[in-house]
Amino acid sequence: WRSRDLAVWEDLGFVWQLDRDGKNQPSWHFERPAKTGVKNGRAVWAPEIHYLRGTWWIPHSLNVSGHGLLKSTSGKPTGPYIALPPMAAKGIDAHLFQEDGSSYYLWGFNNIVPLKADLSAAAGPVRHIHPPGKHPLGYEGVLLQKIDGKYLLIASGRYGYELTDTYDLYYCVADTLFGPYGPRRMAVKNAGHGNLFQDHAGRWWCTAFDH
C-alpha cells in the first residue's frame, strides 16, 4: 500500500508471492514440507522491510519454519523481488540490523550473523546474544536497536514453564553489539511480539501482538 498523506491509501498488490514468484525462481521455500489440514500449508509471514545498499530488503519467515531475505532488483519497494538463499535451515522471525556500514542478519531470539557487503550471504559464523541465565519457553521475535550508545535486544518469551503462561515482551541491554547483555527485564506484559518506534516529540512507543 502507498500513501502521500497516511490517510488515503493505494493498493499496489503483492510484491512477491510464494506460489507465483517462488515457483518461477525457483525458491528454497518449496523445500519445506507444507502443513496439512490448514488453508495455506506453506505461507510467508512476519515480514520487515529495510532500505540498505541502494535497494529494499524484506526479511521474512515461513509458517513451517525457515527464514530468509527478499531483495528488490529494481531499487524500488514494489520490487520485483528475488529470494536469496536462506541463512539457516530452521527457525523463524528474521531481522536486519546495520551499524557503521556493516549489516547483520538475526533470527529467533538470539542468533546473529554478519553479512557480506552485498547482503547476499553470511560473512562469518553465527553467534548468540542473550541475557544471562537459563530461560523458559517461547523465545522468538528478535529486534535489535541502538539507542543512546546502548544495544537494546528485544524478544518474546514466557516467564513461566508451562504453555499456559503469559507470552510477554522482554528486553536486555549491552554496551557492545555482542554483549555481554544484562539481565532479562519485562518490557510489556502479555504483549507477545513488539516493535519500538519514536514519534516526532521524541517519545518512544511499542507495538504489541497482545497474545
C-alpha atoms as a PDB file:
ATOM      1  CA  TRP A   1       0.000   0.000   0.000  1.00  0.00           C
ATOM      2  CA  ARG A   2       1.178   3.550  -0.790  1.00  0.00           C
ATOM      3  CA  SER A   3       0.120   6.935   0.584  1.00  0.00           C
ATOM      4  CA  ARG A   4       1.286  10.548   0.431  1.00  0.00           C
ATOM      5  CA  ASP A   5      -0.721  11.705   3.464  1.00  0.00           C
ATOM      6  CA  LEU A   6      -1.147   8.495   5.557  1.00  0.00           C
ATOM      7  CA  ALA A   7      -4.925   8.948   5.130  1.00  0.00           C
ATOM      8  CA  VAL A   8      -5.660   7.885   1.551  1.00  0.00           C
ATOM      9  CA  TRP A   9      -4.002   4.613   0.536  1.00  0.00           C
ATOM     10  CA  GLU A  10      -3.469   2.948  -2.830  1.00  0.00           C
ATOM     11  CA  ASP A  11      -3.282  -0.835  -3.078  1.00  0.00           C
ATOM     12  CA  LEU A  12      -0.196  -1.792  -5.130  1.00  0.00           C
ATOM     13  CA  GLY A  13      -0.771  -5.537  -4.806  1.00  0.00           C
ATOM     14  CA  PHE A  14       1.660  -8.235  -3.726  1.00  0.00           C
ATOM     15  CA  VAL A  15       5.362  -7.504  -4.219  1.00  0.00           C
ATOM     16  CA  TRP A  16       6.274 -11.212  -4.033  1.00  0.00           C
ATOM     17  CA  GLN A  17       4.090 -14.306  -3.930  1.00  0.00           C
ATOM     18  CA  LEU A  18       5.338 -17.722  -2.964  1.00  0.00           C
ATOM     19  CA  ASP A  19       3.159 -19.722  -5.361  1.00  0.00           C
ATOM     20  CA  ARG A  20       3.981 -17.387  -8.270  1.00  0.00           C
ATOM     21  CA  ASP A  21       7.441 -15.854  -7.812  1.00  0.00           C
ATOM     22  CA  GLY A  22       8.789 -18.599  -5.601  1.00  0.00           C
ATOM     23  CA  LYS A  23       7.974 -21.270  -8.170  1.00  0.00           C
ATOM     24  CA  ASN A  24       9.431 -19.291 -11.048  1.00  0.00           C
ATOM     25  CA  GLN A  25      12.789 -18.549  -9.388  1.00  0.00           C
ATOM     26  CA  PRO A  26      12.724 -21.436  -8.067  1.00  0.00           C
ATOM     27  CA  SER A  27      12.782 -20.682  -4.362  1.00  0.00           C
ATOM     28  CA  TRP A  28      14.182 -22.596  -1.381  1.00  0.00           C
ATOM     29  CA  HIS A  29      10.764 -22.116   0.259  1.00  0.00           C
ATOM     30  CA  PHE A  30       9.436 -25.160  -1.573  1.00  0.00           C
ATOM     31  CA  GLU A  31      11.989 -27.400   0.086  1.00  0.00           C
ATOM     32  CA  ARG A  32       9.986 -27.010   3.300  1.00  0.00           C
ATOM     33  CA  PRO A  33       7.180 -29.586   3.702  1.00  0.00           C
ATOM     34  CA  ALA A  34       3.753 -27.967   3.803  1.00  0.00           C
ATOM     35  CA  LYS A  35       1.465 -28.172   6.823  1.00  0.00           C
ATOM     36  CA  THR A  36      -1.558 -30.403   6.443  1.00  0.00           C
ATOM     37  CA  GLY A  37      -5.140 -29.628   7.386  1.00  0.00           C
ATOM     38  CA  VAL A  38      -4.798 -25.835   7.041  1.00  0.00           C
ATOM     39  CA  LYS A  39      -5.873 -23.368   4.344  1.00  0.00           C
ATOM     40  CA  ASN A  40      -2.335 -22.359   3.408  1.00  0.00           C
ATOM     41  CA  GLY A  41       0.134 -25.104   4.223  1.00  0.00           C
ATOM     42  CA  ARG A  42       3.220 -23.128   3.203  1.00  0.00           C
ATOM     43  CA  ALA A  43       2.927 -19.378   3.836  1.00  0.00           C
ATOM     44  CA  VAL A  44       5.277 -16.411   4.081  1.00  0.00           C
ATOM     45  CA  TRP A  45       4.835 -14.405   7.274  1.00  0.00           C
ATOM     46  CA  ALA A  46       6.376 -11.951   9.814  1.00  0.00           C
ATOM     47  CA  PRO A  47       7.969  -9.600   7.249  1.00  0.00           C
ATOM     48  CA  GLU A  48      10.024  -6.470   7.823  1.00  0.00           C
ATOM     49  CA  ILE A  49      11.173  -4.005   5.147  1.00  0.00           C
ATOM     50  CA  HIS A  50      14.526  -2.167   5.128  1.00  0.00           C
ATOM     51  CA  TYR A  51      16.359   0.157   2.739  1.00  0.00           C
ATOM     52  CA  LEU A  52      20.058  -0.789   2.637  1.00  0.00           C
ATOM     53  CA  ARG A  53      22.783  -0.690  -0.011  1.00  0.00           C
ATOM     54  CA  GLY A  54      20.626   1.208  -2.501  1.00  0.00           C
ATOM     55  CA  THR A  55      17.672  -1.159  -2.539  1.00  0.00           C
ATOM     56  CA  TRP A  56      14.913  -2.719  -0.433  1.00  0.00           C
ATOM     57  CA  TRP A  57      15.084  -5.927   1.573  1.00  0.00           C
ATOM     58  CA  ILE A  58      12.326  -7.993   3.186  1.00  0.00           C
ATOM     59  CA  PRO A  59      13.378 -10.378   5.978  1.00  0.00           C
ATOM     60  CA  HIS A  60      10.600 -12.939   6.391  1.00  0.00           C
ATOM     61  CA  SER A  61       9.661 -16.350   7.772  1.00  0.00           C
ATOM     62  CA  LEU A  62       7.678 -19.419   6.789  1.00  0.00           C
ATOM     63  CA  ASN A  63       4.839 -20.860   8.821  1.00  0.00           C
ATOM     64  CA  VAL A  64       6.526 -24.273   8.530  1.00  0.00           C
ATOM     65  CA  SER A  65       9.899 -22.974   9.851  1.00  0.00           C
ATOM     66  CA  GLY A  66      12.536 -21.260   7.790  1.00  0.00           C
ATOM     67  CA  HIS A  67      13.523 -17.669   7.143  1.00  0.00           C
ATOM     68  CA  GLY A  68      15.378 -15.572   4.604  1.00  0.00           C
ATOM     69  CA  LEU A  69      15.727 -12.350   2.626  1.00  0.00           C
ATOM     70  CA  LEU A  70      13.922 -10.981  -0.402  1.00  0.00           C
ATOM     71  CA  LYS A  71      15.862  -8.407  -2.455  1.00  0.00           C
ATOM     72  CA  SER A  72      14.310  -5.799  -4.723  1.00  0.00           C
ATOM     73  CA  THR A  73      16.083  -5.952  -8.096  1.00  0.00           C
ATOM     74  CA  SER A  74      14.756  -2.537  -9.148  1.00  0.00           C
ATOM     75  CA  GLY A  75      15.717  -0.460  -6.103  1.00  0.00           C
ATOM     76  CA  LYS A  76      12.014   0.194  -5.550  1.00  0.00           C
ATOM     77  CA  PRO A  77       9.922  -1.023  -2.586  1.00  0.00           C
ATOM     78  CA  THR A  78       7.433  -2.521  -5.050  1.00  0.00           C
ATOM     79  CA  GLY A  79      10.096  -4.831  -6.493  1.00  0.00           C
ATOM     80  CA  PRO A  80      10.312  -7.137  -8.320  1.00  0.00           C
ATOM     81  CA  TYR A  81      11.982  -9.205  -5.587  1.00  0.00           C
ATOM     82  CA  ILE A  82      14.147 -12.297  -5.664  1.00  0.00           C
ATOM     83  CA  ALA A  83      14.582 -14.751  -2.799  1.00  0.00           C
ATOM     84  CA  LEU A  84      18.172 -15.166  -1.603  1.00  0.00           C
ATOM     85  CA  PRO A  85      19.436 -18.493  -0.239  1.00  0.00           C
ATOM     86  CA  PRO A  86      18.454 -18.993   3.423  1.00  0.00           C
ATOM     87  CA  MET A  87      20.937 -18.185   6.179  1.00  0.00           C
ATOM     88  CA  ALA A  88      19.943 -21.228   8.254  1.00  0.00           C
ATOM     89  CA  ALA A  89      17.749 -24.290   7.887  1.00  0.00           C
ATOM     90  CA  LYS A  90      15.461 -23.760  10.878  1.00  0.00           C
ATOM     91  CA  GLY A  91      13.900 -21.002  12.921  1.00  0.00           C
ATOM     92  CA  ILE A  92      11.614 -18.015  12.338  1.00  0.00           C
ATOM     93  CA  ASP A  93      11.391 -14.210  12.721  1.00  0.00           C
ATOM     94  CA  ALA A  94      14.176 -12.755  10.587  1.00  0.00           C
ATOM     95  CA  HIS A  95      15.535  -9.262  11.262  1.00  0.00           C
ATOM     96  CA  LEU A  96      18.168  -6.897   9.794  1.00  0.00           C
ATOM     97  CA  PHE A  97      20.466  -4.567  11.750  1.00  0.00           C
ATOM     98  CA  GLN A  98      23.045  -2.149  10.335  1.00  0.00           C
ATOM     99  CA  GLU A  99      25.779  -0.157  12.041  1.00  0.00           C
ATOM    100  CA  ASP A 100      28.741   1.800  10.633  1.00  0.00           C
ATOM    101  CA  GLY A 101      28.248   0.292   7.189  1.00  0.00           C
ATOM    102  CA  SER A 102      28.150  -3.310   8.452  1.00  0.00           C
ATOM    103  CA  SER A 103      24.986  -5.374   8.152  1.00  0.00           C
ATOM    104  CA  TYR A 104      23.819  -8.202  10.394  1.00  0.00           C
ATOM    105  CA  TYR A 105      21.099 -10.797   9.991  1.00  0.00           C
ATOM    106  CA  LEU A 106      19.229 -12.062  13.069  1.00  0.00           C
ATOM    107  CA  TRP A 107      16.532 -14.643  13.705  1.00  0.00           C
ATOM    108  CA  GLY A 108      14.754 -16.459  16.502  1.00  0.00           C
ATOM    109  CA  PHE A 109      15.570 -14.592  19.692  1.00  0.00           C
ATOM    110  CA  ASN A 110      19.384 -14.539  19.791  1.00  0.00           C
ATOM    111  CA  ASN A 111      21.002 -15.710  16.547  1.00  0.00           C
ATOM    112  CA  ILE A 112      23.152 -13.123  14.733  1.00  0.00           C
ATOM    113  CA  VAL A 113      25.493 -13.394  11.762  1.00  0.00           C
ATOM    114  CA  PRO A 114      27.476 -10.715   9.864  1.00  0.00           C
ATOM    115  CA  LEU A 115      26.604 -10.319   6.175  1.00  0.00           C
ATOM    116  CA  LYS A 116      28.709  -9.750   3.092  1.00  0.00           C
ATOM    117  CA  ALA A 117      28.763  -6.198   1.715  1.00  0.00           C
ATOM    118  CA  ASP A 118      26.025  -7.040  -0.811  1.00  0.00           C
ATOM    119  CA  LEU A 119      23.958  -8.875   1.866  1.00  0.00           C
ATOM    120  CA  SER A 120      23.902 -11.980  -0.331  1.00  0.00           C
ATOM    121  CA  ALA A 121      25.277 -14.406   2.274  1.00  0.00           C
ATOM    122  CA  ALA A 122      26.832 -14.727   5.712  1.00  0.00           C
ATOM    123  CA  ALA A 123      30.328 -13.293   6.160  1.00  0.00           C
ATOM    124  CA  GLY A 124      31.170 -15.132   9.369  1.00  0.00           C
ATOM    125  CA  PRO A 125      29.921 -17.671  11.899  1.00  0.00           C
ATOM    126  CA  VAL A 126      26.602 -17.491  13.723  1.00  0.00           C
ATOM    127  CA  ARG A 127      26.862 -16.038  17.224  1.00  0.00           C
ATOM    128  CA  HIS A 128      24.341 -15.890  20.060  1.00  0.00           C
ATOM    129  CA  ILE A 129      23.430 -12.781  22.051  1.00  0.00           C
ATOM    130  CA  HIS A 130      21.092 -13.096  25.001  1.00  0.00           C
ATOM    131  CA  PRO A 131      20.627 -12.271  28.682  1.00  0.00           C
ATOM    132  CA  PRO A 132      22.492 -14.384  31.251  1.00  0.00           C
ATOM    133  CA  GLY A 133      20.963 -17.430  32.842  1.00  0.00           C
ATOM    134  CA  LYS A 134      18.662 -20.219  31.726  1.00  0.00           C
ATOM    135  CA  HIS A 135      15.272 -19.192  30.368  1.00  0.00           C
ATOM    136  CA  PRO A 136      11.965 -20.945  29.659  1.00  0.00           C
ATOM    137  CA  LEU A 137       9.750 -21.493  26.625  1.00  0.00           C
ATOM    138  CA  GLY A 138       8.749 -19.274  23.737  1.00  0.00           C
ATOM    139  CA  TYR A 139      11.756 -17.300  22.536  1.00  0.00           C
ATOM    140  CA  GLU A 140      11.274 -15.540  19.186  1.00  0.00           C
ATOM    141  CA  GLY A 141      10.553 -12.155  17.590  1.00  0.00           C
ATOM    142  CA  VAL A 142      14.075 -10.716  17.810  1.00  0.00           C
ATOM    143  CA  LEU A 143      14.602  -6.964  17.446  1.00  0.00           C
ATOM    144  CA  LEU A 144      17.936  -5.160  17.888  1.00  0.00           C
ATOM    145  CA  GLN A 145      18.241  -1.375  18.152  1.00  0.00           C
ATOM    146  CA  LYS A 146      20.991   1.003  19.230  1.00  0.00           C
ATOM    147  CA  ILE A 147      19.707   3.866  21.381  1.00  0.00           C
ATOM    148  CA  ASP A 148      21.949   6.457  23.071  1.00  0.00           C
ATOM    149  CA  GLY A 149      25.009   4.261  22.661  1.00  0.00           C
ATOM    150  CA  LYS A 150      23.363   1.172  24.170  1.00  0.00           C
ATOM    151  CA  TYR A 151      22.335  -2.012  22.370  1.00  0.00           C
ATOM    152  CA  LEU A 152      18.757  -2.968  23.127  1.00  0.00           C
ATOM    153  CA  LEU A 153      17.839  -6.604  22.432  1.00  0.00           C
ATOM    154  CA  ILE A 154      14.099  -7.267  22.439  1.00  0.00           C
ATOM    155  CA  ALA A 155      12.334 -10.601  22.016  1.00  0.00           C
ATOM    156  CA  SER A 156       9.292 -12.556  23.126  1.00  0.00           C
ATOM    157  CA  GLY A 157       9.119 -15.272  25.733  1.00  0.00           C
ATOM    158  CA  ARG A 158       7.228 -16.924  28.541  1.00  0.00           C
ATOM    159  CA  TYR A 159       8.099 -16.177  32.122  1.00  0.00           C
ATOM    160  CA  GLY A 160       6.839 -19.491  33.436  1.00  0.00           C
ATOM    161  CA  TYR A 161       7.496 -23.040  32.295  1.00  0.00           C
ATOM    162  CA  GLU A 162       4.022 -24.021  31.073  1.00  0.00           C
ATOM    163  CA  LEU A 163       2.414 -23.323  27.693  1.00  0.00           C
ATOM    164  CA  THR A 164      -0.474 -21.657  29.525  1.00  0.00           C
ATOM    165  CA  ASP A 165       1.816 -18.985  30.982  1.00  0.00           C
ATOM    166  CA  THR A 166       1.722 -15.415  29.726  1.00  0.00           C
ATOM    167  CA  TYR A 167       3.502 -14.523  26.485  1.00  0.00           C
ATOM    168  CA  ASP A 168       5.467 -11.361  27.156  1.00  0.00           C
ATOM    169  CA  LEU A 169       7.821  -8.876  25.540  1.00  0.00           C
ATOM    170  CA  TYR A 170      11.179  -8.570  27.302  1.00  0.00           C
ATOM    171  CA  TYR A 171      14.459  -6.722  26.763  1.00  0.00           C
ATOM    172  CA  CYS A 172      18.087  -6.689  27.825  1.00  0.00           C
ATOM    173  CA  VAL A 173      20.862  -4.119  27.347  1.00  0.00           C
ATOM    174  CA  ALA A 174      24.572  -4.212  26.423  1.00  0.00           C
ATOM    175  CA  ASP A 175      27.407  -1.752  25.835  1.00  0.00           C
ATOM    176  CA  THR A 176      28.672  -3.664  22.787  1.00  0.00           C
ATOM    177  CA  LEU A 177      26.898  -5.474  19.970  1.00  0.00           C
ATOM    178  CA  PHE A 178      27.854  -8.984  21.045  1.00  0.00           C
ATOM    179  CA  GLY A 179      27.487  -8.311  24.737  1.00  0.00           C
ATOM    180  CA  PRO A 180      27.632  -9.326  27.452  1.00  0.00           C
ATOM    181  CA  TYR A 181      23.964  -8.405  27.840  1.00  0.00           C
ATOM    182  CA  GLY A 182      22.412  -7.567  31.167  1.00  0.00           C
ATOM    183  CA  PRO A 183      19.528  -9.372  32.866  1.00  0.00           C
ATOM    184  CA  ARG A 184      16.224 -10.036  31.145  1.00  0.00           C
ATOM    185  CA  ARG A 185      13.581  -7.434  32.077  1.00  0.00           C
ATOM    186  CA  MET A 186       9.879  -7.136  31.324  1.00  0.00           C
ATOM    187  CA  ALA A 187       9.009  -4.602  28.622  1.00  0.00           C
ATOM    188  CA  VAL A 188       5.264  -5.149  28.076  1.00  0.00           C
ATOM    189  CA  LYS A 189       3.272  -7.839  29.874  1.00  0.00           C
ATOM    190  CA  ASN A 190       1.189 -10.076  27.575  1.00  0.00           C
ATOM    191  CA  ALA A 191       2.447  -8.199  24.501  1.00  0.00           C
ATOM    192  CA  GLY A 192       3.962 -11.113  22.599  1.00  0.00           C
ATOM    193  CA  HIS A 193       5.929  -9.727  19.670  1.00  0.00           C
ATOM    194  CA  GLY A 194       6.526  -5.989  19.638  1.00  0.00           C
ATOM    195  CA  ASN A 195       8.415  -3.245  17.888  1.00  0.00           C
ATOM    196  CA  LEU A 196       9.754   0.126  19.045  1.00  0.00           C
ATOM    197  CA  PHE A 197       9.309   3.422  17.248  1.00  0.00           C
ATOM    198  CA  GLN A 198       9.781   7.073  18.144  1.00  0.00           C
ATOM    199  CA  ASP A 199       7.351   9.912  17.400  1.00  0.00           C
ATOM    200  CA  HIS A 200       8.174  13.489  16.378  1.00  0.00           C
ATOM    201  CA  ALA A 201       8.160  14.589  20.017  1.00  0.00           C
ATOM    202  CA  GLY A 202      10.881  12.082  20.883  1.00  0.00           C
ATOM    203  CA  ARG A 203       8.563   9.763  22.803  1.00  0.00           C
ATOM    204  CA  TRP A 204       9.043   6.018  22.492  1.00  0.00           C
ATOM    205  CA  TRP A 205       6.135   3.698  21.671  1.00  0.00           C
ATOM    206  CA  CYS A 206       5.811  -0.064  21.380  1.00  0.00           C
ATOM    207  CA  THR A 207       3.525  -2.148  19.208  1.00  0.00           C
ATOM    208  CA  ALA A 208       2.039  -5.288  20.767  1.00  0.00           C
ATOM    209  CA  PHE A 209       0.984  -8.652  19.414  1.00  0.00           C
ATOM    210  CA  ASP A 210      -1.265  -8.846  22.503  1.00  0.00           C
ATOM    211  CA  HIS A 211      -1.409 -12.625  22.715  1.00  0.00           C
END
